[in-house]
C-alpha atoms as a PDB file:
ATOM      1  CA  MET A   1       0.000   0.000   0.000  1.00  0.00           C
ATOM      2  CA  LYS A   2       1.211   3.499  -0.846  1.00  0.00           C
ATOM      3  CA  LEU A   3       0.236   6.278   1.556  1.00  0.00           C
ATOM      4  CA  LEU A   4       0.708   9.971   0.867  1.00  0.00           C
ATOM      5  CA  ASN A   5       0.090  13.395   2.336  1.00  0.00           C
ATOM      6  CA  PHE A   6      -1.520  15.696  -0.205  1.00  0.00           C
ATOM      7  CA  ALA A   7      -3.323  18.986  -0.735  1.00  0.00           C
ATOM      8  CA  VAL A   8      -6.220  19.925  -2.995  1.00  0.00           C
ATOM      9  CA  GLU A   9      -6.410  23.695  -3.381  1.00  0.00           C
ATOM     10  CA  ASP A  10      -5.843  24.907   0.204  1.00  0.00           C
ATOM     11  CA  ARG A  11      -7.078  21.778   1.981  1.00  0.00           C
ATOM     12  CA  ARG A  12      -4.556  19.312   3.358  1.00  0.00           C
ATOM     13  CA  SER A  13      -5.286  15.618   3.795  1.00  0.00           C
ATOM     14  CA  TYR A  14      -3.725  12.184   3.457  1.00  0.00           C
ATOM     15  CA  GLY A  15      -4.686   9.107   1.550  1.00  0.00           C
ATOM     16  CA  ALA A  16      -3.822   5.883  -0.220  1.00  0.00           C
ATOM     17  CA  LEU A  17      -2.827   5.558  -3.847  1.00  0.00           C
ATOM     18  CA  THR A  18      -4.716   2.723  -5.523  1.00  0.00           C
ATOM     19  CA  SER A  19      -5.034   1.582  -9.130  1.00  0.00           C
ATOM     20  CA  ARG A  20      -8.178   3.734  -9.305  1.00  0.00           C
ATOM     21  CA  GLY A  21      -6.614   6.907  -7.915  1.00  0.00           C
ATOM     22  CA  VAL A  22      -6.257   8.545  -4.492  1.00  0.00           C
ATOM     23  CA  VAL A  23      -8.596   7.466  -1.694  1.00  0.00           C
ATOM     24  CA  ASP A  24      -8.999  10.371   0.741  1.00  0.00           C
ATOM     25  CA  LEU A  25      -8.419   8.770   4.139  1.00  0.00           C
ATOM     26  CA  GLY A  26      -8.432  12.127   5.902  1.00  0.00           C
ATOM     27  CA  ARG A  27     -12.187  12.426   5.375  1.00  0.00           C
ATOM     28  CA  ARG A  28     -12.770   8.899   6.594  1.00  0.00           C
ATOM     29  CA  TYR A  29     -10.476   8.979   9.644  1.00  0.00           C
ATOM     30  CA  PRO A  30     -10.587  12.536  11.011  1.00  0.00           C
ATOM     31  CA  ALA A  31      -8.889  11.484  14.252  1.00  0.00           C
ATOM     32  CA  ALA A  32      -5.599  11.374  12.320  1.00  0.00           C
ATOM     33  CA  VAL A  33      -4.183  14.415  10.553  1.00  0.00           C
ATOM     34  CA  ASP A  34      -1.548  12.715   8.392  1.00  0.00           C
ATOM     35  CA  ILE A  35       0.090   9.384   7.616  1.00  0.00           C
ATOM     36  CA  VAL A  36       2.164   9.350  10.777  1.00  0.00           C
ATOM     37  CA  THR A  37      -0.734   9.890  13.178  1.00  0.00           C
ATOM     38  CA  LEU A  38      -2.740   7.313  11.245  1.00  0.00           C
ATOM     39  CA  MET A  39      -0.150   4.717  12.270  1.00  0.00           C
ATOM     40  CA  GLY A  40      -1.230   4.991  15.883  1.00  0.00           C
ATOM     41  CA  THR A  41      -4.988   4.630  15.348  1.00  0.00           C
ATOM     42  CA  GLU A  42      -7.238   1.614  15.095  1.00  0.00           C
ATOM     43  CA  GLY A  43      -8.145   2.876  11.638  1.00  0.00           C
ATOM     44  CA  MET A  44      -4.876   1.605  10.220  1.00  0.00           C
ATOM     45  CA  ALA A  45      -6.075  -1.972  10.596  1.00  0.00           C
ATOM     46  CA  ARG A  46      -9.101  -1.199   8.385  1.00  0.00           C
ATOM     47  CA  VAL A  47      -7.325   0.859   5.758  1.00  0.00           C
ATOM     48  CA  HIS A  48      -6.200  -2.143   3.723  1.00  0.00           C
ATOM     49  CA  ASP A  49      -9.764  -3.446   3.297  1.00  0.00           C
ATOM     50  CA  LEU A  50     -11.087   0.032   2.552  1.00  0.00           C
ATOM     51  CA  CYS A  51      -8.548   0.623  -0.183  1.00  0.00           C
ATOM     52  CA  GLU A  52      -9.544  -2.616  -1.890  1.00  0.00           C
ATOM     53  CA  THR A  53     -13.130  -1.464  -2.388  1.00  0.00           C
ATOM     54  CA  ALA A  54     -13.450   2.310  -1.984  1.00  0.00           C
ATOM     55  CA  ALA A  55     -13.942   4.521  -4.998  1.00  0.00           C
ATOM     56  CA  ALA A  56     -11.130   6.984  -5.577  1.00  0.00           C
ATOM     57  CA  ASP A  57     -11.773  10.580  -4.567  1.00  0.00           C
ATOM     58  CA  PHE A  58      -9.115  12.134  -6.831  1.00  0.00           C
ATOM     59  CA  ASP A  59      -6.901  11.327  -9.753  1.00  0.00           C
ATOM     60  CA  LEU A  60      -3.256  11.458  -8.735  1.00  0.00           C
ATOM     61  CA  GLY A  61      -2.695  14.358 -11.117  1.00  0.00           C
ATOM     62  CA  ALA A  62      -5.391  16.400  -9.368  1.00  0.00           C
ATOM     63  CA  VAL A  63      -3.603  16.557  -6.003  1.00  0.00           C
ATOM     64  CA  ARG A  64      -0.415  18.271  -4.878  1.00  0.00           C
ATOM     65  CA  ILE A  65       1.780  15.746  -3.120  1.00  0.00           C
ATOM     66  CA  LEU A  66       3.263  16.844   0.222  1.00  0.00           C
ATOM     67  CA  PRO A  67       6.303  15.358   1.992  1.00  0.00           C
ATOM     68  CA  PRO A  68       5.520  12.168   3.931  1.00  0.00           C
ATOM     69  CA  LEU A  69       6.598  13.878   7.160  1.00  0.00           C
ATOM     70  CA  THR A  70       5.125  15.695  10.110  1.00  0.00           C
ATOM     71  CA  PRO A  71       6.920  18.801  11.416  1.00  0.00           C
ATOM     72  CA  GLY A  72       7.977  16.908  14.542  1.00  0.00           C
ATOM     73  CA  ALA A  73       9.526  13.991  12.687  1.00  0.00           C
ATOM     74  CA  ARG A  74      13.255  13.495  13.085  1.00  0.00           C
ATOM     75  CA  CYS A  75      15.407  12.745  10.062  1.00  0.00           C
ATOM     76  CA  PHE A  76      18.499  10.706  10.895  1.00  0.00           C
ATOM     77  CA  CYS A  77      20.947  10.658   7.997  1.00  0.00           C
ATOM     78  CA  ILE A  78      23.761   8.186   7.432  1.00  0.00           C
ATOM     79  CA  GLY A  79      26.929   9.232   5.652  1.00  0.00           C
ATOM     80  CA  VAL A  80      29.373   7.142   3.573  1.00  0.00           C
ATOM     81  CA  ASN A  81      27.426   3.874   3.790  1.00  0.00           C
ATOM     82  CA  TYR A  82      28.435   2.126   0.544  1.00  0.00           C
ATOM     83  CA  SER A  83      31.898   0.683  -0.032  1.00  0.00           C
ATOM     84  CA  GLU A  84      32.572   2.512  -3.310  1.00  0.00           C
ATOM     85  CA  ARG A  85      31.318   5.707  -1.712  1.00  0.00           C
ATOM     86  CA  ASN A  86      33.910   5.267   1.034  1.00  0.00           C
ATOM     87  CA  GLU A  87      36.625   4.686  -1.576  1.00  0.00           C
ATOM     88  CA  GLU A  88      35.660   7.918  -3.359  1.00  0.00           C
ATOM     89  CA  TYR A  89      37.249   9.836  -0.489  1.00  0.00           C
ATOM     90  CA  ARG A  90      40.675   8.366  -1.364  1.00  0.00           C
ATOM     91  CA  ASP A  91      41.997   9.037   2.125  1.00  0.00           C
ATOM     92  CA  GLY A  92      43.224   5.516   2.803  1.00  0.00           C
ATOM     93  CA  ALA A  93      41.037   5.220   5.877  1.00  0.00           C
ATOM     94  CA  GLU A  94      39.841   1.796   6.963  1.00  0.00           C
ATOM     95  CA  ARG A  95      36.161   0.987   7.094  1.00  0.00           C
ATOM     96  CA  ALA A  96      34.544   2.816  10.006  1.00  0.00           C
ATOM     97  CA  LYS A  97      33.494   0.780  13.034  1.00  0.00           C
ATOM     98  CA  TYR A  98      30.342   2.851  13.481  1.00  0.00           C
ATOM     99  CA  PRO A  99      28.076   4.785  11.096  1.00  0.00           C
ATOM    100  CA  SER A 100      28.465   8.511  10.470  1.00  0.00           C
ATOM    101  CA  ILE A 101      25.295  10.341  11.479  1.00  0.00           C
ATOM    102  CA  PHE A 102      23.860  13.809  10.989  1.00  0.00           C
ATOM    103  CA  MET A 103      20.373  15.307  11.189  1.00  0.00           C
ATOM    104  CA  ARG A 104      18.204  17.217   8.751  1.00  0.00           C
ATOM    105  CA  THR A 105      15.314  19.528   9.526  1.00  0.00           C
ATOM    106  CA  HIS A 106      11.789  19.195   8.201  1.00  0.00           C
ATOM    107  CA  ALA A 107      12.175  22.516   6.358  1.00  0.00           C
ATOM    108  CA  SER A 108      15.166  21.260   4.377  1.00  0.00           C
ATOM    109  CA  PHE A 109      12.940  18.903   2.347  1.00  0.00           C
ATOM    110  CA  VAL A 110      10.492  19.591  -0.446  1.00  0.00           C
ATOM    111  CA  ALA A 111       7.925  17.177  -1.831  1.00  0.00           C
ATOM    112  CA  HIS A 112       7.867  15.297  -5.105  1.00  0.00           C
ATOM    113  CA  ALA A 113       7.531  17.651  -8.104  1.00  0.00           C
ATOM    114  CA  GLU A 114       8.460  20.737  -6.057  1.00  0.00           C
ATOM    115  CA  PRO A 115      11.661  22.597  -6.966  1.00  0.00           C
ATOM    116  CA  MET A 116      14.791  21.974  -4.937  1.00  0.00           C
ATOM    117  CA  LEU A 117      16.431  25.335  -4.339  1.00  0.00           C
ATOM    118  CA  ARG A 118      20.056  26.055  -5.163  1.00  0.00           C
ATOM    119  CA  PRO A 119      21.135  28.784  -2.705  1.00  0.00           C
ATOM    120  CA  PRO A 120      22.945  31.900  -3.958  1.00  0.00           C
ATOM    121  CA  GLU A 121      25.739  31.331  -1.427  1.00  0.00           C
ATOM    122  CA  SER A 122      27.224  28.396  -3.351  1.00  0.00           C
ATOM    123  CA  GLU A 123      28.001  26.995  -6.809  1.00  0.00           C
ATOM    124  CA  GLN A 124      28.352  23.473  -5.393  1.00  0.00           C
ATOM    125  CA  PHE A 125      24.792  22.191  -5.079  1.00  0.00           C
ATOM    126  CA  ASP A 126      24.752  18.403  -5.342  1.00  0.00           C
ATOM    127  CA  TYR A 127      22.362  15.421  -5.372  1.00  0.00           C
ATOM    128  CA  GLU A 128      22.412  12.260  -3.232  1.00  0.00           C
ATOM    129  CA  GLY A 129      19.795   9.616  -3.966  1.00  0.00           C
ATOM    130  CA  GLU A 130      18.911   7.409  -1.017  1.00  0.00           C
ATOM    131  CA  ILE A 131      16.559   4.784   0.374  1.00  0.00           C
ATOM    132  CA  ALA A 132      14.681   6.174   3.364  1.00  0.00           C
ATOM    133  CA  VAL A 133      13.205   4.008   6.115  1.00  0.00           C
ATOM    134  CA  VAL A 134      10.108   5.204   8.005  1.00  0.00           C
ATOM    135  CA  ILE A 135       9.701   3.967  11.573  1.00  0.00           C
ATOM    136  CA  GLY A 136       6.250   2.682  12.504  1.00  0.00           C
ATOM    137  CA  THR A 137       6.772   1.239  15.976  1.00  0.00           C
ATOM    138  CA  GLY A 138       9.078   3.144  18.265  1.00  0.00           C
ATOM    139  CA  GLY A 139      11.504   1.750  20.769  1.00  0.00           C
ATOM    140  CA  ARG A 140      14.768   2.116  22.648  1.00  0.00           C
ATOM    141  CA  ARG A 141      17.738  -0.262  22.368  1.00  0.00           C
ATOM    142  CA  ILE A 142      15.991  -2.269  19.668  1.00  0.00           C
ATOM    143  CA  PRO A 143      17.723  -5.614  19.020  1.00  0.00           C
ATOM    144  CA  GLU A 144      19.144  -5.952  15.548  1.00  0.00           C
ATOM    145  CA  ALA A 145      17.366  -9.300  15.131  1.00  0.00           C
ATOM    146  CA  THR A 146      13.922  -7.698  15.461  1.00  0.00           C
ATOM    147  CA  ALA A 147      14.711  -4.237  14.101  1.00  0.00           C
ATOM    148  CA  MET A 148      12.806  -4.604  10.822  1.00  0.00           C
ATOM    149  CA  GLU A 149       9.602  -5.246  12.760  1.00  0.00           C
ATOM    150  CA  HIS A 150       9.733  -1.547  13.659  1.00  0.00           C
ATOM    151  CA  VAL A 151       9.676  -0.421  10.001  1.00  0.00           C
ATOM    152  CA  PHE A 152       6.411   1.005   8.722  1.00  0.00           C
ATOM    153  CA  GLY A 153       7.612   1.523   5.184  1.00  0.00           C
ATOM    154  CA  TYR A 154      10.005   3.151   2.750  1.00  0.00           C
ATOM    155  CA  THR A 155      10.256   6.298   0.701  1.00  0.00           C
ATOM    156  CA  CYS A 156      12.731   7.928  -1.699  1.00  0.00           C
ATOM    157  CA  ALA A 157      15.110  10.683  -0.622  1.00  0.00           C
ATOM    158  CA  ASN A 158      17.393  13.207  -2.240  1.00  0.00           C
ATOM    159  CA  ASP A 159      19.845  14.308   0.438  1.00  0.00           C
ATOM    160  CA  GLY A 160      20.701  17.523  -1.417  1.00  0.00           C
ATOM    161  CA  SER A 161      24.041  18.925  -0.313  1.00  0.00           C
ATOM    162  CA  VAL A 162      25.755  22.292  -0.518  1.00  0.00           C
ATOM    163  CA  ARG A 163      29.272  20.905  -0.727  1.00  0.00           C
ATOM    164  CA  ASP A 164      31.474  23.837   0.259  1.00  0.00           C
ATOM    165  CA  TRP A 165      29.275  24.521   3.299  1.00  0.00           C
ATOM    166  CA  LEU A 166      29.911  20.948   4.468  1.00  0.00           C
ATOM    167  CA  ARG A 167      33.512  21.979   5.110  1.00  0.00           C
ATOM    168  CA  HIS A 168      32.957  25.124   7.157  1.00  0.00           C
ATOM    169  CA  ALA A 169      34.060  23.388  10.352  1.00  0.00           C
ATOM    170  CA  LYS A 170      36.190  20.393  11.261  1.00  0.00           C
ATOM    171  CA  PHE A 171      33.482  18.054  12.556  1.00  0.00           C
ATOM    172  CA  ASN A 172      30.284  19.616  11.246  1.00  0.00           C
ATOM    173  CA  VAL A 173      28.267  18.985   8.078  1.00  0.00           C
ATOM    174  CA  THR A 174      25.014  20.409   9.433  1.00  0.00           C
ATOM    175  CA  GLN A 175      25.101  23.689   7.497  1.00  0.00           C
ATOM    176  CA  GLY A 176      25.555  22.108   4.077  1.00  0.00           C
ATOM    177  CA  LYS A 177      22.797  19.568   4.710  1.00  0.00           C
ATOM    178  CA  ASN A 178      20.121  21.929   5.981  1.00  0.00           C
ATOM    179  CA  PHE A 179      19.632  24.789   3.561  1.00  0.00           C
ATOM    180  CA  ASP A 180      15.878  25.294   3.324  1.00  0.00           C
ATOM    181  CA  ARG A 181      14.283  23.272   0.518  1.00  0.00           C
ATOM    182  CA  SER A 182      17.614  21.837  -0.611  1.00  0.00           C
ATOM    183  CA  GLY A 183      16.548  18.176  -0.342  1.00  0.00           C
ATOM    184  CA  ALA A 184      13.487  16.152  -1.270  1.00  0.00           C
ATOM    185  CA  LEU A 185      11.466  13.286   0.185  1.00  0.00           C
ATOM    186  CA  GLY A 186       8.621  11.243  -1.247  1.00  0.00           C
ATOM    187  CA  PRO A 187       6.459  10.885  -3.168  1.00  0.00           C
ATOM    188  CA  TRP A 188       4.772   8.530  -0.703  1.00  0.00           C
ATOM    189  CA  ILE A 189       5.451   5.804   1.835  1.00  0.00           C
ATOM    190  CA  ALA A 190       5.306   2.285   0.439  1.00  0.00           C
ATOM    191  CA  THR A 191       4.369   0.089   3.389  1.00  0.00           C
ATOM    192  CA  ALA A 192       6.717  -2.692   4.395  1.00  0.00           C
ATOM    193  CA  GLU A 193       4.347  -5.516   3.461  1.00  0.00           C
ATOM    194  CA  GLN A 194       4.178  -4.167  -0.090  1.00  0.00           C
ATOM    195  CA  VAL A 195       7.962  -3.940  -0.435  1.00  0.00           C
ATOM    196  CA  SER A 196       8.353  -7.653   0.121  1.00  0.00           C
ATOM    197  CA  HIS A 197      11.824  -8.127  -1.360  1.00  0.00           C
ATOM    198  CA  SER A 198      14.701  -7.733   1.062  1.00  0.00           C
ATOM    199  CA  THR A 199      17.064  -5.991  -1.371  1.00  0.00           C
ATOM    200  CA  LEU A 200      16.145  -2.537  -2.672  1.00  0.00           C
ATOM    201  CA  ARG A 201      17.794  -0.775  -5.603  1.00  0.00           C
ATOM    202  CA  VAL A 202      18.318   2.991  -5.607  1.00  0.00           C
ATOM    203  CA  THR A 203      18.976   4.763  -8.898  1.00  0.00           C
ATOM    204  CA  THR A 204      19.621   8.482  -9.393  1.00  0.00           C
ATOM    205  CA  ARG A 205      19.288  10.180 -12.783  1.00  0.00           C
ATOM    206  CA  VAL A 206      20.156  13.756 -13.700  1.00  0.00           C
ATOM    207  CA  ASN A 207      18.486  14.936 -16.904  1.00  0.00           C
ATOM    208  CA  GLY A 208      17.949  11.277 -17.788  1.00  0.00           C
ATOM    209  CA  GLU A 209      21.581  10.222 -17.248  1.00  0.00           C
ATOM    210  CA  VAL A 210      22.152   7.519 -14.629  1.00  0.00           C
ATOM    211  CA  ARG A 211      24.594   8.862 -12.046  1.00  0.00           C
ATOM    212  CA  GLN A 212      24.026   6.465  -9.130  1.00  0.00           C
ATOM    213  CA  ASP A 213      22.876   2.843  -9.071  1.00  0.00           C
ATOM    214  CA  ASP A 214      23.330   0.409  -6.181  1.00  0.00           C
ATOM    215  CA  THR A 215      21.492  -1.997  -3.910  1.00  0.00           C
ATOM    216  CA  SER A 216      20.803  -2.074  -0.191  1.00  0.00           C
ATOM    217  CA  ASP A 217      22.611  -5.379   0.353  1.00  0.00           C
ATOM    218  CA  ARG A 218      25.865  -3.528  -0.350  1.00  0.00           C
ATOM    219  CA  MET A 219      25.476  -1.056   2.485  1.00  0.00           C
ATOM    220  CA  LEU A 220      28.336  -1.027   4.981  1.00  0.00           C
ATOM    221  CA  PHE A 221      25.781  -0.784   7.792  1.00  0.00           C
ATOM    222  CA  GLY A 222      22.490  -2.491   6.969  1.00  0.00           C
ATOM    223  CA  MET A 223      19.049  -1.260   7.935  1.00  0.00           C
ATOM    224  CA  PRO A 224      18.642  -3.575  10.968  1.00  0.00           C
ATOM    225  CA  TYR A 225      21.955  -2.402  12.399  1.00  0.00           C
ATOM    226  CA  LEU A 226      21.162   1.269  11.778  1.00  0.00           C
ATOM    227  CA  ILE A 227      17.839   0.944  13.648  1.00  0.00           C
ATOM    228  CA  HIS A 228      19.588  -0.857  16.490  1.00  0.00           C
ATOM    229  CA  TYR A 229      22.424   1.668  16.670  1.00  0.00           C
ATOM    230  CA  LEU A 230      20.271   4.785  16.499  1.00  0.00           C
ATOM    231  CA  SER A 231      17.818   3.460  19.070  1.00  0.00           C
ATOM    232  CA  THR A 232      20.677   2.847  21.489  1.00  0.00           C
ATOM    233  CA  PHE A 233      21.127   6.568  22.119  1.00  0.00           C
ATOM    234  CA  ALA A 234      17.692   7.881  21.067  1.00  0.00           C
ATOM    235  CA  ALA A 235      14.295   6.276  21.491  1.00  0.00           C
ATOM    236  CA  LEU A 236      12.889   6.024  17.970  1.00  0.00           C
ATOM    237  CA  GLU A 237       9.346   7.276  17.459  1.00  0.00           C
ATOM    238  CA  PRO A 238       6.663   6.587  14.842  1.00  0.00           C
ATOM    239  CA  GLY A 239       7.302   8.768  11.817  1.00  0.00           C
ATOM    240  CA  ASP A 240      11.044   9.101  12.330  1.00  0.00           C
ATOM    241  CA  VAL A 241      12.914   8.751   9.041  1.00  0.00           C
ATOM    242  CA  ILE A 242      16.335   7.209   8.448  1.00  0.00           C
ATOM    243  CA  LEU A 243      18.129   8.220   5.247  1.00  0.00           C
ATOM    244  CA  THR A 244      20.388   5.206   4.772  1.00  0.00           C
ATOM    245  CA  GLY A 245      23.204   6.752   2.744  1.00  0.00           C
ATOM    246  CA  THR A 246      23.989   7.461  -0.890  1.00  0.00           C
ATOM    247  CA  PRO A 247      25.949   5.283  -3.337  1.00  0.00           C
ATOM    248  CA  SER A 248      28.948   6.438  -5.339  1.00  0.00           C
ATOM    249  CA  GLY A 249      28.376   8.831  -8.231  1.00  0.00           C
ATOM    250  CA  ALA A 250      27.456  12.115  -6.563  1.00  0.00           C
ATOM    251  CA  GLY A 251      28.396  15.127  -8.642  1.00  0.00           C
ATOM    252  CA  ALA A 252      31.223  16.248  -6.369  1.00  0.00           C
ATOM    253  CA  ARG A 253      33.061  12.960  -6.909  1.00  0.00           C
ATOM    254  CA  LEU A 254      32.978  12.990 -10.702  1.00  0.00           C
ATOM    255  CA  ASP A 255      36.039  14.106 -12.655  1.00  0.00           C
ATOM    256  CA  PRO A 256      35.530  16.946 -13.242  1.00  0.00           C
ATOM    257  CA  PRO A 257      32.798  17.627 -10.649  1.00  0.00           C
ATOM    258  CA  ARG A 258      29.314  18.157 -12.087  1.00  0.00           C
ATOM    259  CA  PHE A 259      27.146  20.249  -9.803  1.00  0.00           C
ATOM    260  CA  LEU A 260      23.455  20.991 -10.276  1.00  0.00           C
ATOM    261  CA  ARG A 261      22.179  24.031 -12.129  1.00  0.00           C
ATOM    262  CA  ALA A 262      18.761  25.641 -12.428  1.00  0.00           C
ATOM    263  CA  GLY A 263      16.535  23.609 -14.727  1.00  0.00           C
ATOM    264  CA  ASP A 264      18.208  20.253 -14.037  1.00  0.00           C
ATOM    265  CA  LEU A 265      15.823  17.361 -13.393  1.00  0.00           C
ATOM    266  CA  VAL A 266      16.872  14.958 -10.639  1.00  0.00           C
ATOM    267  CA  GLU A 267      15.072  11.628 -10.294  1.00  0.00           C
ATOM    268  CA  VAL A 268      15.587   9.172  -7.447  1.00  0.00           C
ATOM    269  CA  GLU A 269      13.970   5.775  -7.921  1.00  0.00           C
ATOM    270  CA  VAL A 270      13.750   3.012  -5.327  1.00  0.00           C
ATOM    271  CA  SER A 271      12.576  -0.386  -6.532  1.00  0.00           C
ATOM    272  CA  GLY A 272       9.131  -1.296  -5.270  1.00  0.00           C
ATOM    273  CA  VAL A 273       8.707   2.137  -3.690  1.00  0.00           C
ATOM    274  CA  GLY A 274       8.420   4.853  -6.325  1.00  0.00           C
ATOM    275  CA  LEU A 275      10.055   7.701  -8.205  1.00  0.00           C
ATOM    276  CA  LEU A 276      10.946  11.053  -6.627  1.00  0.00           C
ATOM    277  CA  SER A 277      11.350  13.776  -9.246  1.00  0.00           C
ATOM    278  CA  ASN A 278      12.428  17.384  -8.695  1.00  0.00           C
ATOM    279  CA  ARG A 279      13.629  20.257 -10.838  1.00  0.00           C
ATOM    280  CA  VAL A 280      16.371  22.521  -9.551  1.00  0.00           C
ATOM    281  CA  ALA A 281      15.647  26.237  -9.261  1.00  0.00           C
ATOM    282  CA  ASP A 282      17.791  29.125  -8.104  1.00  0.00           C
ATOM    283  CA  GLU A 283      16.639  30.483  -4.765  1.00  0.00           C
ATOM    284  CA  LYS A 284      15.806  34.154  -4.964  1.00  0.00           C
ATOM    285  CA  THR A 285      17.339  36.354  -2.297  1.00  0.00           C
ATOM    286  CA  GLY A 286      14.767  36.870   0.460  1.00  0.00           C
ATOM    287  CA  GLU A 287      12.603  33.977  -0.750  1.00  0.00           C
ATOM    288  CA  ARG A 288      10.677  32.216   1.998  1.00  0.00           C
ATOM    289  CA  ASN A 289       9.251  28.740   2.164  1.00  0.00           C
ATOM    290  CA  ARG A 290       5.776  28.591   0.721  1.00  0.00           C
ATOM    291  CA  PRO A 291       3.246  28.324   3.587  1.00  0.00           C
ATOM    292  CA  ARG A 292       1.902  24.845   4.268  1.00  0.00           C
ATOM    293  CA  PRO A 293      -1.732  24.223   3.333  1.00  0.00           C
ATOM    294  CA  SER A 294      -4.423  24.463   5.951  1.00  0.00           C
ATOM    295  CA  THR A 295      -5.202  21.329   7.954  1.00  0.00           C
ATOM    296  CA  GLU A 296      -8.921  21.976   7.439  1.00  0.00           C
ATOM    297  CA  ARG A 297     -10.742  19.168   5.652  1.00  0.00           C
END
């Protein structure tokens, strides 16, 4: 099942994408305001049956897709998590014993089909296609053996990076990873039971050219370990998102480097999940994030 947050005109809701179109679950389950809060209601158990029979309320093209996040969701990001990606650094370092971790804010992500903004402060705006895991059942010190039982589903991520701002301090990448609207997430959450295969492929294309292509079984730190490790120091909560790392082929590591420019189309595809597509636009000085739609239904 594919669940999405969406807006029609100025009304925000959430729903399920079926072969017939989008079923508006927000009208049917008003106790929940988005996908994440739906996870914790009894309605979730009935959603599967409803989506088998309910008539669609909208065609997919008639809605504006919103990020599959709530403002309170935490985004844990994993750096250098594929072997070839580690080798791209050419620093001779051995494989790390523990994953590299940083955080991204909710405001740093746009939805599918919204422009990712290249800030005027840099000429080094880059893409990073990733598989993102969405936590459904929270927990602390989750055993690796049962970690995948805590996964609600998966989505696609573009961990957009402002490369020169990643190097402003010795041990700090936060600035370059958190420019407003510099990354993307979506278009929806594909629930874990739908993504039945254990190995996922992530492919990134820029203007139709394949730049990144790898599979989750080649991660240095697999999803079960990441959930276990993160939950050791922070209790995971429903709706938390883990960006599991990008494969080799980011623009900064090409020879010569190939950074994004206004008008470029970046597509991140995860097998069994979906396709996240975003144009790049230059951020105008003084531009603010577009206000979120009303929660009124």
